[in-house]
Amino acid sequence: MEHWNLAQIATPHGTRDPVVLRQDDGGRAIMIGLNPGQELGDHQVKEGAWVTVVEGSVRVAAAGETIDAGPGHLFRFDPHERHSVASDGGARILLFLAPFPAPDHYSGHDAAA
């Protein structure tokens, strides 16, 4: 068994310092701090993405809809679905990507790196 106390994982530099909690073929779990005013701007990932608000509040936008959310909210995005996550006052989110890596994760530009 592995376990983490999500409230105690340090993310002092916000989005510049995500913490990978676990990664294997099943998925990748990442704790991300959003300092006040930080955001994960409009983007997409190749995997399915699950975002849980652990602390603080966020504004999540996707497919023309925007939702203000606090602790306990869970969001799911399809692979390649564009979305953004922003926080005016600061927040901590748990991001889970599955499966990881997606079959096309290391294609094209990513494969060269």
PDB file of N, CA and C in Angstrom:
ATOM      1  N   MET A   1       0.851  -1.178   0.000  1.00  0.00           N
ATOM      2  CA  MET A   1       0.000   0.000   0.000  1.00  0.00           C
ATOM      3  C   MET A   1       0.893   1.236   0.000  1.00  0.00           C
ATOM      4  N   GLU A   2       0.474   2.217  -0.769  1.00  0.00           N
ATOM      5  CA  GLU A   2       1.089   3.535  -0.741  1.00  0.00           C
ATOM      6  C   GLU A   2       0.009   4.526  -0.329  1.00  0.00           C
ATOM      7  N   HIS A   3       0.422   5.601   0.324  1.00  0.00           N
ATOM      8  CA  HIS A   3      -0.563   6.626   0.680  1.00  0.00           C
ATOM      9  C   HIS A   3       0.125   7.977   0.798  1.00  0.00           C
ATOM     10  N   TRP A   4      -0.663   9.036   0.628  1.00  0.00           N
ATOM     11  CA  TRP A   4      -0.163  10.389   0.676  1.00  0.00           C
ATOM     12  C   TRP A   4      -1.155  11.257   1.433  1.00  0.00           C
ATOM     13  N   ASN A   5      -0.658  12.177   2.238  1.00  0.00           N
ATOM     14  CA  ASN A   5      -1.504  13.192   2.848  1.00  0.00           C
ATOM     15  C   ASN A   5      -1.419  14.407   1.939  1.00  0.00           C
ATOM     16  N   LEU A   6      -2.414  14.590   1.105  1.00  0.00           N
ATOM     17  CA  LEU A   6      -2.384  15.635   0.085  1.00  0.00           C
ATOM     18  C   LEU A   6      -2.287  17.037   0.673  1.00  0.00           C
ATOM     19  N   ALA A   7      -2.761  17.213   1.891  1.00  0.00           N
ATOM     20  CA  ALA A   7      -2.716  18.528   2.526  1.00  0.00           C
ATOM     21  C   ALA A   7      -1.310  18.888   2.981  1.00  0.00           C
ATOM     22  N   GLN A   8      -0.405  17.920   3.042  1.00  0.00           N
ATOM     23  CA  GLN A   8       0.934  18.184   3.569  1.00  0.00           C
ATOM     24  C   GLN A   8       2.035  18.156   2.504  1.00  0.00           C
ATOM     25  N   ILE A   9       1.683  17.990   1.245  1.00  0.00           N
ATOM     26  CA  ILE A   9       2.696  17.956   0.182  1.00  0.00           C
ATOM     27  C   ILE A   9       3.041  19.380  -0.214  1.00  0.00           C
ATOM     28  N   ALA A  10       4.314  19.733  -0.094  1.00  0.00           N
ATOM     29  CA  ALA A  10       4.765  21.094  -0.377  1.00  0.00           C
ATOM     30  C   ALA A  10       4.791  21.374  -1.879  1.00  0.00           C
ATOM     31  N   THR A  11       4.237  22.499  -2.262  1.00  0.00           N
ATOM     32  CA  THR A  11       4.292  22.994  -3.647  1.00  0.00           C
ATOM     33  C   THR A  11       4.616  24.491  -3.588  1.00  0.00           C
ATOM     34  N   PRO A  12       5.789  24.844  -3.066  1.00  0.00           N
ATOM     35  CA  PRO A  12       6.094  26.251  -2.773  1.00  0.00           C
ATOM     36  C   PRO A  12       6.180  27.176  -3.989  1.00  0.00           C
ATOM     37  N   HIS A  13       6.450  26.631  -5.147  1.00  0.00           N
ATOM     38  CA  HIS A  13       6.590  27.486  -6.320  1.00  0.00           C
ATOM     39  C   HIS A  13       5.396  27.370  -7.268  1.00  0.00           C
ATOM     40  N   GLY A  14       4.299  26.866  -6.762  1.00  0.00           N
ATOM     41  CA  GLY A  14       3.083  26.786  -7.559  1.00  0.00           C
ATOM     42  C   GLY A  14       3.261  25.944  -8.806  1.00  0.00           C
ATOM     43  N   THR A  15       2.764  26.442  -9.921  1.00  0.00           N
ATOM     44  CA  THR A  15       2.750  25.667 -11.158  1.00  0.00           C
ATOM     45  C   THR A  15       4.146  25.337 -11.669  1.00  0.00           C
ATOM     46  N   ARG A  16       5.164  26.047 -11.204  1.00  0.00           N
ATOM     47  CA  ARG A  16       6.533  25.757 -11.640  1.00  0.00           C
ATOM     48  C   ARG A  16       7.122  24.557 -10.910  1.00  0.00           C
ATOM     49  N   ASP A  17       6.427  24.030  -9.916  1.00  0.00           N
ATOM     50  CA  ASP A  17       6.983  22.988  -9.068  1.00  0.00           C
ATOM     51  C   ASP A  17       5.972  21.867  -8.793  1.00  0.00           C
ATOM     52  N   PRO A  18       5.395  21.248  -9.835  1.00  0.00           N
ATOM     53  CA  PRO A  18       4.454  20.152  -9.584  1.00  0.00           C
ATOM     54  C   PRO A  18       5.188  18.964  -8.972  1.00  0.00           C
ATOM     55  N   VAL A  19       4.470  18.174  -8.196  1.00  0.00           N
ATOM     56  CA  VAL A  19       5.062  17.018  -7.520  1.00  0.00           C
ATOM     57  C   VAL A  19       4.414  15.740  -8.070  1.00  0.00           C
ATOM     58  N   VAL A  20       5.213  14.917  -8.758  1.00  0.00           N
ATOM     59  CA  VAL A  20       4.707  13.638  -9.253  1.00  0.00           C
ATOM     60  C   VAL A  20       4.671  12.675  -8.069  1.00  0.00           C
ATOM     61  N   LEU A  21       3.473  12.250  -7.707  1.00  0.00           N
ATOM     62  CA  LEU A  21       3.309  11.352  -6.571  1.00  0.00           C
ATOM     63  C   LEU A  21       3.566   9.902  -6.961  1.00  0.00           C
ATOM     64  N   ARG A  22       3.119   9.537  -8.146  1.00  0.00           N
ATOM     65  CA  ARG A  22       3.255   8.148  -8.608  1.00  0.00           C
ATOM     66  C   ARG A  22       3.055   8.126 -10.112  1.00  0.00           C
ATOM     67  N   GLN A  23       3.829   7.283 -10.770  1.00  0.00           N
ATOM     68  CA  GLN A  23       3.679   7.109 -12.207  1.00  0.00           C
ATOM     69  C   GLN A  23       3.973   5.662 -12.562  1.00  0.00           C
ATOM     70  N   ASP A  24       3.064   5.075 -13.329  1.00  0.00           N
ATOM     71  CA  ASP A  24       3.276   3.742 -13.888  1.00  0.00           C
ATOM     72  C   ASP A  24       2.420   3.643 -15.140  1.00  0.00           C
ATOM     73  N   ASP A  25       2.337   2.461 -15.736  1.00  0.00           N
ATOM     74  CA  ASP A  25       1.566   2.324 -16.976  1.00  0.00           C
ATOM     75  C   ASP A  25       0.081   2.636 -16.794  1.00  0.00           C
ATOM     76  N   GLY A  26      -0.419   2.558 -15.571  1.00  0.00           N
ATOM     77  CA  GLY A  26      -1.827   2.830 -15.338  1.00  0.00           C
ATOM     78  C   GLY A  26      -2.160   4.304 -15.314  1.00  0.00           C
ATOM     79  N   GLY A  27      -1.208   5.117 -14.875  1.00  0.00           N
ATOM     80  CA  GLY A  27      -1.497   6.532 -14.783  1.00  0.00           C
ATOM     81  C   GLY A  27      -0.376   7.306 -14.122  1.00  0.00           C
ATOM     82  N   ARG A  28      -0.619   8.589 -14.001  1.00  0.00           N
ATOM     83  CA  ARG A  28       0.335   9.493 -13.371  1.00  0.00           C
ATOM     84  C   ARG A  28      -0.441  10.426 -12.468  1.00  0.00           C
ATOM     85  N   ALA A  29      -0.079  10.491 -11.178  1.00  0.00           N
ATOM     86  CA  ALA A  29      -0.724  11.361 -10.198  1.00  0.00           C
ATOM     87  C   ALA A  29       0.220  12.513  -9.871  1.00  0.00           C
ATOM     88  N   ILE A  30      -0.274  13.747  -9.978  1.00  0.00           N
ATOM     89  CA  ILE A  30       0.553  14.934  -9.808  1.00  0.00           C
ATOM     90  C   ILE A  30      -0.168  15.937  -8.908  1.00  0.00           C
ATOM     91  N   MET A  31       0.536  16.400  -7.865  1.00  0.00           N
ATOM     92  CA  MET A  31       0.004  17.473  -7.025  1.00  0.00           C
ATOM     93  C   MET A  31       0.519  18.787  -7.595  1.00  0.00           C
ATOM     94  N   ILE A  32      -0.398  19.724  -7.834  1.00  0.00           N
ATOM     95  CA  ILE A  32      -0.033  21.022  -8.400  1.00  0.00           C
ATOM     96  C   ILE A  32      -0.565  22.127  -7.496  1.00  0.00           C
ATOM     97  N   GLY A  33       0.321  23.021  -7.123  1.00  0.00           N
ATOM     98  CA  GLY A  33      -0.093  24.208  -6.386  1.00  0.00           C
ATOM     99  C   GLY A  33      -0.332  25.341  -7.359  1.00  0.00           C
ATOM    100  N   LEU A  34      -1.385  26.070  -7.148  1.00  0.00           N
ATOM    101  CA  LEU A  34      -1.647  27.286  -7.919  1.00  0.00           C
ATOM    102  C   LEU A  34      -1.540  28.444  -6.942  1.00  0.00           C
ATOM    103  N   ASN A  35      -0.477  29.218  -7.046  1.00  0.00           N
ATOM    104  CA  ASN A  35      -0.349  30.397  -6.207  1.00  0.00           C
ATOM    105  C   ASN A  35      -1.399  31.417  -6.638  1.00  0.00           C
ATOM    106  N   PRO A  36      -1.740  32.383  -5.779  1.00  0.00           N
ATOM    107  CA  PRO A  36      -2.738  33.371  -6.166  1.00  0.00           C
ATOM    108  C   PRO A  36      -2.418  33.982  -7.532  1.00  0.00           C
ATOM    109  N   GLY A  37      -3.397  33.947  -8.419  1.00  0.00           N
ATOM    110  CA  GLY A  37      -3.257  34.498  -9.757  1.00  0.00           C
ATOM    111  C   GLY A  37      -2.664  33.558 -10.788  1.00  0.00           C
ATOM    112  N   GLN A  38      -2.197  32.376 -10.370  1.00  0.00           N
ATOM    113  CA  GLN A  38      -1.626  31.436 -11.333  1.00  0.00           C
ATOM    114  C   GLN A  38      -2.720  30.653 -12.038  1.00  0.00           C
ATOM    115  N   GLU A  39      -2.347  30.124 -13.209  1.00  0.00           N
ATOM    116  CA  GLU A  39      -3.286  29.309 -13.958  1.00  0.00           C
ATOM    117  C   GLU A  39      -2.551  28.294 -14.818  1.00  0.00           C
ATOM    118  N   LEU A  40      -3.254  27.265 -15.147  1.00  0.00           N
ATOM    119  CA  LEU A  40      -2.854  26.343 -16.196  1.00  0.00           C
ATOM    120  C   LEU A  40      -3.693  26.802 -17.376  1.00  0.00           C
ATOM    121  N   GLY A  41      -3.116  27.642 -18.225  1.00  0.00           N
ATOM    122  CA  GLY A  41      -3.854  28.265 -19.318  1.00  0.00           C
ATOM    123  C   GLY A  41      -4.457  27.250 -20.267  1.00  0.00           C
ATOM    124  N   ASP A  42      -5.182  27.729 -21.226  1.00  0.00           N
ATOM    125  CA  ASP A  42      -5.871  26.877 -22.191  1.00  0.00           C
ATOM    126  C   ASP A  42      -4.890  25.870 -22.789  1.00  0.00           C
ATOM    127  N   HIS A  43      -5.148  24.596 -22.552  1.00  0.00           N
ATOM    128  CA  HIS A  43      -4.245  23.541 -23.014  1.00  0.00           C
ATOM    129  C   HIS A  43      -5.011  22.241 -23.166  1.00  0.00           C
ATOM    130  N   GLN A  44      -4.318  21.236 -23.647  1.00  0.00           N
ATOM    131  CA  GLN A  44      -4.876  19.891 -23.749  1.00  0.00           C
ATOM    132  C   GLN A  44      -3.753  18.908 -23.464  1.00  0.00           C
ATOM    133  N   VAL A  45      -4.127  17.714 -23.038  1.00  0.00           N
ATOM    134  CA  VAL A  45      -3.153  16.639 -22.852  1.00  0.00           C
ATOM    135  C   VAL A  45      -3.612  15.435 -23.659  1.00  0.00           C
ATOM    136  N   LYS A  46      -2.695  14.550 -23.942  1.00  0.00           N
ATOM    137  CA  LYS A  46      -3.012  13.388 -24.777  1.00  0.00           C
ATOM    138  C   LYS A  46      -3.712  12.290 -24.001  1.00  0.00           C
ATOM    139  N   GLU A  47      -3.621  12.339 -22.674  1.00  0.00           N
ATOM    140  CA  GLU A  47      -4.278  11.353 -21.822  1.00  0.00           C
ATOM    141  C   GLU A  47      -5.644  11.872 -21.368  1.00  0.00           C
ATOM    142  N   GLY A  48      -6.451  10.978 -20.812  1.00  0.00           N
ATOM    143  CA  GLY A  48      -7.629  11.426 -20.097  1.00  0.00           C
ATOM    144  C   GLY A  48      -7.139  12.103 -18.825  1.00  0.00           C
ATOM    145  N   ALA A  49      -7.768  13.189 -18.405  1.00  0.00           N
ATOM    146  CA  ALA A  49      -7.316  13.928 -17.225  1.00  0.00           C
ATOM    147  C   ALA A  49      -8.435  14.038 -16.206  1.00  0.00           C
ATOM    148  N   TRP A  50      -8.077  13.790 -14.962  1.00  0.00           N
ATOM    149  CA  TRP A  50      -8.985  13.947 -13.828  1.00  0.00           C
ATOM    150  C   TRP A  50      -8.368  14.998 -12.916  1.00  0.00           C
ATOM    151  N   VAL A  51      -9.133  16.015 -12.531  1.00  0.00           N
ATOM    152  CA  VAL A  51      -8.644  17.076 -11.661  1.00  0.00           C
ATOM    153  C   VAL A  51      -9.537  17.147 -10.434  1.00  0.00           C
ATOM    154  N   THR A  52      -8.914  17.053  -9.256  1.00  0.00           N
ATOM    155  CA  THR A  52      -9.632  17.172  -7.991  1.00  0.00           C
ATOM    156  C   THR A  52      -9.120  18.405  -7.259  1.00  0.00           C
ATOM    157  N   VAL A  53     -10.025  19.247  -6.796  1.00  0.00           N
ATOM    158  CA  VAL A  53      -9.640  20.402  -5.999  1.00  0.00           C
ATOM    159  C   VAL A  53      -9.445  19.914  -4.561  1.00  0.00           C
ATOM    160  N   VAL A  54      -8.208  20.067  -4.066  1.00  0.00           N
ATOM    161  CA  VAL A  54      -7.864  19.615  -2.719  1.00  0.00           C
ATOM    162  C   VAL A  54      -8.029  20.750  -1.717  1.00  0.00           C
ATOM    163  N   GLU A  55      -7.649  21.958  -2.135  1.00  0.00           N
ATOM    164  CA  GLU A  55      -7.659  23.104  -1.230  1.00  0.00           C
ATOM    165  C   GLU A  55      -7.805  24.382  -2.045  1.00  0.00           C
ATOM    166  N   GLY A  56      -8.485  25.378  -1.490  1.00  0.00           N
ATOM    167  CA  GLY A  56      -8.642  26.653  -2.185  1.00  0.00           C
ATOM    168  C   GLY A  56      -9.790  26.624  -3.180  1.00  0.00           C
ATOM    169  N   SER A  57      -9.732  27.531  -4.142  1.00  0.00           N
ATOM    170  CA  SER A  57     -10.792  27.585  -5.143  1.00  0.00           C
ATOM    171  C   SER A  57     -10.182  27.812  -6.516  1.00  0.00           C
ATOM    172  N   VAL A  58     -10.860  27.265  -7.526  1.00  0.00           N
ATOM    173  CA  VAL A  58     -10.400  27.359  -8.907  1.00  0.00           C
ATOM    174  C   VAL A  58     -11.562  27.730  -9.814  1.00  0.00           C
ATOM    175  N   ARG A  59     -11.187  28.181 -11.003  1.00  0.00           N
ATOM    176  CA  ARG A  59     -12.146  28.431 -12.074  1.00  0.00           C
ATOM    177  C   ARG A  59     -11.722  27.527 -13.226  1.00  0.00           C
ATOM    178  N   VAL A  60     -12.586  26.598 -13.577  1.00  0.00           N
ATOM    179  CA  VAL A  60     -12.282  25.624 -14.627  1.00  0.00           C
ATOM    180  C   VAL A  60     -13.144  25.953 -15.834  1.00  0.00           C
ATOM    181  N   ALA A  61     -12.492  26.024 -16.997  1.00  0.00           N
ATOM    182  CA  ALA A  61     -13.214  26.328 -18.235  1.00  0.00           C
ATOM    183  C   ALA A  61     -12.925  25.249 -19.268  1.00  0.00           C
ATOM    184  N   ALA A  62     -13.976  24.799 -19.939  1.00  0.00           N
ATOM    185  CA  ALA A  62     -13.866  23.809 -21.015  1.00  0.00           C
ATOM    186  C   ALA A  62     -15.163  23.830 -21.808  1.00  0.00           C
ATOM    187  N   ALA A  63     -15.035  23.640 -23.106  1.00  0.00           N
ATOM    188  CA  ALA A  63     -16.194  23.494 -23.989  1.00  0.00           C
ATOM    189  C   ALA A  63     -17.222  24.603 -23.794  1.00  0.00           C
ATOM    190  N   GLY A  64     -16.748  25.840 -23.617  1.00  0.00           N
ATOM    191  CA  GLY A  64     -17.662  26.965 -23.490  1.00  0.00           C
ATOM    192  C   GLY A  64     -18.339  27.092 -22.136  1.00  0.00           C
ATOM    193  N   GLU A  65     -17.955  26.288 -21.172  1.00  0.00           N
ATOM    194  CA  GLU A  65     -18.552  26.326 -19.833  1.00  0.00           C
ATOM    195  C   GLU A  65     -17.467  26.677 -18.824  1.00  0.00           C
ATOM    196  N   THR A  66     -17.814  27.500 -17.828  1.00  0.00           N
ATOM    197  CA  THR A  66     -16.891  27.860 -16.760  1.00  0.00           C
ATOM    198  C   THR A  66     -17.544  27.544 -15.427  1.00  0.00           C
ATOM    199  N   ILE A  67     -16.784  26.882 -14.545  1.00  0.00           N
ATOM    200  CA  ILE A  67     -17.303  26.494 -13.235  1.00  0.00           C
ATOM    201  C   ILE A  67     -16.330  26.964 -12.165  1.00  0.00           C
ATOM    202  N   ASP A  68     -16.851  27.635 -11.136  1.00  0.00           N
ATOM    203  CA  ASP A  68     -16.071  27.971  -9.947  1.00  0.00           C
ATOM    204  C   ASP A  68     -16.222  26.814  -8.983  1.00  0.00           C
ATOM    205  N   ALA A  69     -15.089  26.314  -8.479  1.00  0.00           N
ATOM    206  CA  ALA A  69     -15.139  25.095  -7.675  1.00  0.00           C
ATOM    207  C   ALA A  69     -14.196  25.182  -6.482  1.00  0.00           C
ATOM    208  N   GLY A  70     -14.555  24.474  -5.425  1.00  0.00           N
ATOM    209  CA  GLY A  70     -13.743  24.406  -4.221  1.00  0.00           C
ATOM    210  C   GLY A  70     -13.393  22.966  -3.885  1.00  0.00           C
ATOM    211  N   PRO A  71     -12.864  22.754  -2.686  1.00  0.00           N
ATOM    212  CA  PRO A  71     -12.435  21.416  -2.270  1.00  0.00           C
ATOM    213  C   PRO A  71     -13.534  20.374  -2.449  1.00  0.00           C
ATOM    214  N   GLY A  72     -13.126  19.245  -2.977  1.00  0.00           N
ATOM    215  CA  GLY A  72     -14.059  18.150  -3.188  1.00  0.00           C
ATOM    216  C   GLY A  72     -14.599  18.063  -4.600  1.00  0.00           C
ATOM    217  N   HIS A  73     -14.439  19.098  -5.394  1.00  0.00           N
ATOM    218  CA  HIS A  73     -14.898  19.046  -6.787  1.00  0.00           C
ATOM    219  C   HIS A  73     -13.954  18.185  -7.617  1.00  0.00           C
ATOM    220  N   LEU A  74     -14.533  17.395  -8.505  1.00  0.00           N
ATOM    221  CA  LEU A  74     -13.785  16.514  -9.396  1.00  0.00           C
ATOM    222  C   LEU A  74     -14.202  16.814 -10.826  1.00  0.00           C
ATOM    223  N   PHE A  75     -13.218  16.969 -11.696  1.00  0.00           N
ATOM    224  CA  PHE A  75     -13.461  17.220 -13.116  1.00  0.00           C
ATOM    225  C   PHE A  75     -12.768  16.138 -13.929  1.00  0.00           C
ATOM    226  N   ARG A  76     -13.378  15.763 -15.061  1.00  0.00           N
ATOM    227  CA  ARG A  76     -12.755  14.796 -15.970  1.00  0.00           C
ATOM    228  C   ARG A  76     -12.768  15.377 -17.377  1.00  0.00           C
ATOM    229  N   PHE A  77     -11.643  15.228 -18.069  1.00  0.00           N
ATOM    230  CA  PHE A  77     -11.509  15.713 -19.437  1.00  0.00           C
ATOM    231  C   PHE A  77     -11.089  14.559 -20.325  1.00  0.00           C
ATOM    232  N   ASP A  78     -11.697  14.488 -21.500  1.00  0.00           N
ATOM    233  CA  ASP A  78     -11.309  13.483 -22.484  1.00  0.00           C
ATOM    234  C   ASP A  78      -9.907  13.788 -23.014  1.00  0.00           C
ATOM    235  N   PRO A  79      -9.225  12.789 -23.565  1.00  0.00           N
ATOM    236  CA  PRO A  79      -7.945  13.063 -24.208  1.00  0.00           C
ATOM    237  C   PRO A  79      -8.116  14.154 -25.274  1.00  0.00           C
ATOM    238  N   HIS A  80      -7.188  15.086 -25.320  1.00  0.00           N
ATOM    239  CA  HIS A  80      -7.148  16.183 -26.278  1.00  0.00           C
ATOM    240  C   HIS A  80      -8.237  17.243 -26.056  1.00  0.00           C
ATOM    241  N   GLU A  81      -9.006  17.153 -24.979  1.00  0.00           N
ATOM    242  CA  GLU A  81     -10.033  18.164 -24.701  1.00  0.00           C
ATOM    243  C   GLU A  81      -9.368  19.420 -24.121  1.00  0.00           C
ATOM    244  N   ARG A  82      -9.608  20.551 -24.746  1.00  0.00           N
ATOM    245  CA  ARG A  82      -9.009  21.808 -24.296  1.00  0.00           C
ATOM    246  C   ARG A  82      -9.703  22.276 -23.015  1.00  0.00           C
ATOM    247  N   HIS A  83      -8.892  22.782 -22.073  1.00  0.00           N
ATOM    248  CA  HIS A  83      -9.432  23.261 -20.806  1.00  0.00           C
ATOM    249  C   HIS A  83      -8.414  24.190 -20.141  1.00  0.00           C
ATOM    250  N   SER A  84      -8.849  24.911 -19.129  1.00  0.00           N
ATOM    251  CA  SER A  84      -7.958  25.742 -18.330  1.00  0.00           C
ATOM    252  C   SER A  84      -8.390  25.667 -16.874  1.00  0.00           C
ATOM    253  N   VAL A  85      -7.423  25.911 -15.984  1.00  0.00           N
ATOM    254  CA  VAL A  85      -7.679  25.919 -14.544  1.00  0.00           C
ATOM    255  C   VAL A  85      -6.946  27.137 -13.989  1.00  0.00           C
ATOM    256  N   ALA A  86      -7.671  28.026 -13.316  1.00  0.00           N
ATOM    257  CA  ALA A  86      -7.085  29.244 -12.771  1.00  0.00           C
ATOM    258  C   ALA A  86      -7.534  29.430 -11.331  1.00  0.00           C
ATOM    259  N   SER A  87      -6.721  30.163 -10.564  1.00  0.00           N
ATOM    260  CA  SER A  87      -7.084  30.439  -9.181  1.00  0.00           C
ATOM    261  C   SER A  87      -6.702  31.866  -8.823  1.00  0.00           C
ATOM    262  N   ASP A  88      -7.679  32.650  -8.409  1.00  0.00           N
ATOM    263  CA  ASP A  88      -7.407  34.021  -7.978  1.00  0.00           C
ATOM    264  C   ASP A  88      -6.746  34.044  -6.603  1.00  0.00           C
ATOM    265  N   GLY A  89      -7.204  33.183  -5.705  1.00  0.00           N
ATOM    266  CA  GLY A  89      -6.716  33.204  -4.325  1.00  0.00           C
ATOM    267  C   GLY A  89      -5.744  32.108  -3.962  1.00  0.00           C
ATOM    268  N   GLY A  90      -5.461  31.211  -4.895  1.00  0.00           N
ATOM    269  CA  GLY A  90      -4.565  30.091  -4.615  1.00  0.00           C
ATOM    270  C   GLY A  90      -5.337  28.801  -4.402  1.00  0.00           C
ATOM    271  N   ALA A  91      -4.738  27.699  -4.804  1.00  0.00           N
ATOM    272  CA  ALA A  91      -5.395  26.398  -4.672  1.00  0.00           C
ATOM    273  C   ALA A  91      -4.359  25.287  -4.814  1.00  0.00           C
ATOM    274  N   ARG A  92      -4.769  24.113  -4.453  1.00  0.00           N
ATOM    275  CA  ARG A  92      -3.983  22.901  -4.670  1.00  0.00           C
ATOM    276  C   ARG A  92      -4.901  21.902  -5.359  1.00  0.00           C
ATOM    277  N   ILE A  93      -4.397  21.326  -6.449  1.00  0.00           N
ATOM    278  CA  ILE A  93      -5.190  20.361  -7.193  1.00  0.00           C
ATOM    279  C   ILE A  93      -4.400  19.075  -7.366  1.00  0.00           C
ATOM    280  N   LEU A  94      -5.115  17.979  -7.441  1.00  0.00           N
ATOM    281  CA  LEU A  94      -4.526  16.684  -7.753  1.00  0.00           C
ATOM    282  C   LEU A  94      -4.928  16.360  -9.181  1.00  0.00           C
ATOM    283  N   LEU A  95      -3.927  16.135 -10.027  1.00  0.00           N
ATOM    284  CA  LEU A  95      -4.145  15.795 -11.430  1.00  0.00           C
ATOM    285  C   LEU A  95      -3.788  14.333 -11.624  1.00  0.00           C
ATOM    286  N   PHE A  96      -4.686  13.593 -12.235  1.00  0.00           N
ATOM    287  CA  PHE A  96      -4.434  12.196 -12.550  1.00  0.00           C
ATOM    288  C   PHE A  96      -4.599  12.015 -14.051  1.00  0.00           C
ATOM    289  N   LEU A  97      -3.550  11.533 -14.725  1.00  0.00           N
ATOM    290  CA  LEU A  97      -3.580  11.275 -16.165  1.00  0.00           C
ATOM    291  C   LEU A  97      -3.638   9.773 -16.385  1.00  0.00           C
ATOM    292  N   ALA A  98      -4.567   9.329 -17.214  1.00  0.00           N
ATOM    293  CA  ALA A  98      -4.692   7.884 -17.443  1.00  0.00           C
ATOM    294  C   ALA A  98      -5.233   7.610 -18.837  1.00  0.00           C
ATOM    295  N   PRO A  99      -4.721   6.572 -19.497  1.00  0.00           N
ATOM    296  CA  PRO A  99      -3.500   5.851 -19.106  1.00  0.00           C
ATOM    297  C   PRO A  99      -2.295   6.738 -19.377  1.00  0.00           C
ATOM    298  N   PHE A 100      -1.204   6.467 -18.701  1.00  0.00           N
ATOM    299  CA  PHE A 100       0.003   7.264 -18.902  1.00  0.00           C
ATOM    300  C   PHE A 100       1.177   6.361 -19.197  1.00  0.00           C
ATOM    301  N   PRO A 101       1.931   6.637 -20.215  1.00  0.00           N
ATOM    302  CA  PRO A 101       1.636   7.656 -21.222  1.00  0.00           C
ATOM    303  C   PRO A 101       0.606   7.160 -22.221  1.00  0.00           C
ATOM    304  N   ALA A 102      -0.127   8.087 -22.812  1.00  0.00           N
ATOM    305  CA  ALA A 102      -1.079   7.730 -23.872  1.00  0.00           C
ATOM    306  C   ALA A 102      -0.282   7.174 -25.052  1.00  0.00           C
ATOM    307  N   PRO A 103      -0.905   6.351 -25.889  1.00  0.00           N
ATOM    308  CA  PRO A 103      -0.191   5.756 -27.024  1.00  0.00           C
ATOM    309  C   PRO A 103       0.545   6.772 -27.890  1.00  0.00           C
ATOM    310  N   ASP A 104       0.012   8.000 -28.031  1.00  0.00           N
ATOM    311  CA  ASP A 104       0.666   9.008 -28.871  1.00  0.00           C
ATOM    312  C   ASP A 104       1.404  10.079 -28.059  1.00  0.00           C
ATOM    313  N   HIS A 105       1.653   9.812 -26.770  1.00  0.00           N
ATOM    314  CA  HIS A 105       2.268  10.808 -25.896  1.00  0.00           C
ATOM    315  C   HIS A 105       3.638  11.262 -26.401  1.00  0.00           C
ATOM    316  N   TYR A 106       4.446  10.344 -26.865  1.00  0.00           N
ATOM    317  CA  TYR A 106       5.811  10.671 -27.289  1.00  0.00           C
ATOM    318  C   TYR A 106       5.951  10.743 -28.805  1.00  0.00           C
ATOM    319  N   SER A 107       4.895  11.130 -29.505  1.00  0.00           N
ATOM    320  CA  SER A 107       4.951  11.219 -30.973  1.00  0.00           C
ATOM    321  C   SER A 107       5.432  12.600 -31.401  1.00  0.00           C
ATOM    322  N   GLY A 108       5.906  12.702 -32.612  1.00  0.00           N
ATOM    323  CA  GLY A 108       6.276  13.988 -33.198  1.00  0.00           C
ATOM    324  C   GLY A 108       7.357  14.684 -32.421  1.00  0.00           C
ATOM    325  N   HIS A 109       7.112  15.936 -32.059  1.00  0.00           N
ATOM    326  CA  HIS A 109       8.075  16.780 -31.362  1.00  0.00           C
ATOM    327  C   HIS A 109       8.510  16.139 -30.037  1.00  0.00           C
ATOM    328  N   ASP A 110       7.572  15.543 -29.308  1.00  0.00           N
ATOM    329  CA  ASP A 110       7.881  14.929 -28.022  1.00  0.00           C
ATOM    330  C   ASP A 110       8.868  13.774 -28.176  1.00  0.00           C
ATOM    331  N   ALA A 111       8.774  13.025 -29.269  1.00  0.00           N
ATOM    332  CA  ALA A 111       9.629  11.864 -29.475  1.00  0.00           C
ATOM    333  C   ALA A 111      11.088  12.281 -29.634  1.00  0.00           C
ATOM    334  N   ALA A 112      11.325  13.441 -30.248  1.00  0.00           N
ATOM    335  CA  ALA A 112      12.690  13.915 -30.453  1.00  0.00           C
ATOM    336  C   ALA A 112      13.337  14.329 -29.141  1.00  0.00           C
ATOM    337  N   ALA A 113      12.524  14.780 -28.190  1.00  0.00           N
ATOM    338  CA  ALA A 113      13.050  15.214 -26.887  1.00  0.00           C
ATOM    339  C   ALA A 113      13.302  14.012 -26.064  1.00  0.00           C
TER     340      ALA A 113
END
